[in-house]
Protein backbone atom coordinates (compact mmCIF):
# COMPACT_ATOMS: atom_id res chain seq x y z
CA UNK A 1 1.08 7.86 15.70
CA UNK A 2 3.22 5.05 14.23
CA UNK A 3 1.47 1.72 13.94
CA UNK A 4 -2.04 3.08 14.46
CA UNK A 5 -4.53 2.12 11.78
CA UNK A 6 -6.75 4.88 10.51
CA UNK A 7 -9.84 3.60 8.73
CA UNK A 8 -11.23 6.25 6.39
CA UNK A 9 -13.88 4.62 4.22
CA UNK A 10 -15.22 7.98 3.04
CA UNK A 11 -11.83 9.04 1.66
CA UNK A 12 -11.34 8.52 -2.06
CA UNK A 13 -7.79 7.95 -3.16
CA UNK A 14 -4.76 8.80 -1.11
CA UNK A 15 -5.74 11.12 1.75
CA UNK A 16 -5.32 14.85 1.33
CA UNK A 17 -1.86 15.98 2.31
CA UNK A 18 0.46 18.87 1.86
CA UNK A 19 2.56 16.42 -0.14
CA UNK A 20 -0.08 15.89 -2.84
CA UNK A 21 0.49 19.20 -4.60
CA UNK A 22 4.24 19.01 -4.30
CA UNK A 23 4.95 15.44 -5.42
CA UNK A 24 8.53 15.17 -6.55
CA UNK A 25 8.13 11.77 -8.16
CA UNK A 26 5.14 9.57 -8.98
CA UNK A 27 4.24 6.10 -10.24
CA UNK A 28 0.77 5.21 -11.42
CA UNK A 29 0.61 1.70 -12.93
CA UNK A 30 -1.98 -0.97 -13.58
CA UNK A 31 -0.72 -4.51 -13.10
CA UNK A 32 -2.44 -7.62 -14.35
CA UNK A 33 -3.31 -9.99 -11.51
CA UNK A 34 -1.71 -13.35 -10.95
CA UNK A 35 1.24 -14.67 -8.98
CA UNK A 36 3.73 -12.42 -10.80
CA UNK A 37 1.91 -9.17 -9.84
CA UNK A 38 3.94 -8.55 -6.63
CA UNK A 39 7.26 -8.83 -8.47
CA UNK A 40 5.96 -6.50 -11.20
CA UNK A 41 4.99 -4.01 -8.51
CA UNK A 42 8.49 -4.16 -7.00
CA UNK A 43 10.00 -3.57 -10.47
CA UNK A 44 7.71 -0.56 -10.94
CA UNK A 45 9.14 0.94 -7.76
CA UNK A 46 12.57 0.97 -9.40
CA UNK A 47 11.25 3.78 -11.65
CA UNK A 48 11.38 6.16 -8.70
CA UNK A 49 14.28 8.55 -8.54
CA UNK A 50 17.09 7.41 -6.34
CA UNK A 51 16.82 9.98 -3.52
CA UNK A 52 14.87 7.70 -1.14
CA UNK A 53 16.79 6.32 1.80
CA UNK A 54 17.49 2.56 1.36
CA UNK A 55 15.68 1.57 4.58
CA UNK A 56 12.56 3.53 3.51
CA UNK A 57 12.71 1.96 0.03
CA UNK A 58 12.99 -1.54 1.54
CA UNK A 59 10.02 -0.90 3.82
CA UNK A 60 8.01 0.40 0.86
CA UNK A 61 8.92 -2.68 -1.23
CA UNK A 62 7.86 -5.03 1.54
CA UNK A 63 4.53 -3.31 2.13
CA UNK A 64 3.73 -2.99 -1.57
CA UNK A 65 4.55 -6.71 -2.05
CA UNK A 66 2.25 -7.65 0.82
CA UNK A 67 -0.65 -5.47 -0.35
CA UNK A 68 -0.46 -6.53 -4.00
CA UNK A 69 -0.24 -10.19 -2.85
CA UNK A 70 -3.37 -9.64 -0.70
CA UNK A 71 -5.22 -8.23 -3.72
CA UNK A 72 -4.31 -11.18 -5.88
CA UNK A 73 -4.88 -13.87 -3.21
CA UNK A 74 -7.92 -12.60 -1.34
CA UNK A 75 -9.70 -10.54 -3.96
CA UNK A 76 -8.81 -12.73 -6.94
CA UNK A 77 -8.07 -9.45 -8.65
CA UNK A 78 -7.58 -9.55 -12.41
CA UNK A 79 -5.86 -6.18 -12.15
CA UNK A 80 -4.26 -4.17 -9.39
CA UNK A 81 -3.46 -0.47 -9.45
CA UNK A 82 -0.37 0.91 -7.73
CA UNK A 83 0.09 4.61 -7.12
CA UNK A 84 3.06 6.16 -5.36
CA UNK A 85 3.60 9.87 -4.63
CA UNK A 86 7.00 10.90 -3.30
CA UNK A 87 7.01 14.27 -1.53
CA UNK A 88 9.60 16.13 0.47
CA UNK A 89 8.31 14.85 3.81
CA UNK A 90 6.55 11.58 3.03
CA UNK A 91 5.86 8.82 0.50
CA UNK A 92 2.18 7.97 -0.07
CA UNK A 93 1.27 4.59 -1.58
CA UNK A 94 -2.10 3.25 -2.69
CA UNK A 95 -3.00 -0.23 -3.90
CA UNK A 96 -6.49 -0.79 -5.44
CA UNK A 97 -8.36 -3.82 -6.69
CA UNK A 98 -11.97 -4.67 -7.60
CA UNK A 99 -12.32 -7.46 -5.09
CA UNK A 100 -15.11 -8.07 -2.55
CA UNK A 101 -13.37 -6.24 0.30
CA UNK A 102 -12.84 -7.28 3.90
CA UNK A 103 -13.05 -6.05 7.47
CA UNK A 104 -9.52 -5.49 8.83
CA UNK A 105 -8.98 -7.31 12.07
CA UNK A 106 -6.11 -6.96 14.51
CA UNK A 107 -3.68 -9.87 14.23
CA UNK A 108 -3.05 -11.74 17.44
CA UNK A 109 0.56 -12.38 18.38
CA UNK A 110 -0.28 -16.07 18.82
CA UNK A 111 -1.30 -16.54 15.18
CA UNK A 112 1.10 -19.14 13.80
CA UNK A 113 -0.06 -19.16 10.19
CA UNK A 114 2.57 -18.50 7.53
CA UNK A 115 0.35 -16.00 5.67
CA UNK A 116 -1.82 -13.08 6.56
CA UNK A 117 0.94 -10.74 7.68
CA UNK A 118 0.26 -7.95 5.10
CA UNK A 119 -1.91 -5.62 7.13
CA UNK A 120 -0.09 -6.49 10.34
CA UNK A 121 3.12 -5.27 8.71
CA UNK A 122 1.42 -2.16 7.33
CA UNK A 123 0.12 -1.38 10.79
CA UNK A 124 3.53 -1.82 12.34
CA UNK A 125 5.69 -0.11 9.73
CA UNK A 126 3.59 2.70 8.21
CA UNK A 127 3.16 6.06 9.86
CA UNK A 128 -0.48 6.23 8.71
CA UNK A 129 -2.66 3.86 6.75
CA UNK A 130 -6.26 3.09 5.90
CA UNK A 131 -8.68 0.91 4.00
CA UNK A 132 -11.61 2.11 1.91
CA UNK A 133 -14.31 0.75 -0.38
CA UNK A 134 -15.27 2.45 -3.61
CA UNK A 135 -18.06 0.72 -5.44
CA UNK A 136 -16.78 -2.80 -6.11
CA UNK A 137 -13.17 -1.87 -5.31
CA UNK A 138 -10.99 -1.96 -2.26
CA UNK A 139 -8.26 0.60 -1.65
CA UNK A 140 -5.47 0.30 0.89
CA UNK A 141 -3.12 3.22 1.36
CA UNK A 142 -0.17 3.96 3.58
CA UNK A 143 2.25 6.78 4.30
CA UNK A 144 5.93 6.52 5.19
CA UNK A 145 7.63 9.64 6.50
CA UNK A 146 10.96 10.61 5.06
CA UNK A 147 13.94 11.50 7.21
């Protein structure tokens, strides 16, 4: 169901999917942390083949930017990993860091702060998503359906 968060702390990596074995295009990069990490992540997305619909690509850019920014800001991550798998039916994205983690909380509509919209946007725009902890690391993944 669109916009519903799925928390799967026991899952390692991107969740199992029919898409995993049939990935048509992939990105797997490690970005150094810092304020330029989100722009480097967006540039990495340009390596994908051009058969993604422009609205899907824009949504993916927005969500990747938000998640990488969260890793840098809240986890003080020295490095962030970005993995993207493009399949026939969906695009799966994973952002990892070695930060302290967090407990996702629903965002209230009355929040007026100018930051903190990352997971709210993921919840609203992704078809599926989740957060997991692996040792010292935090992993946030999301799926966008194609077509």
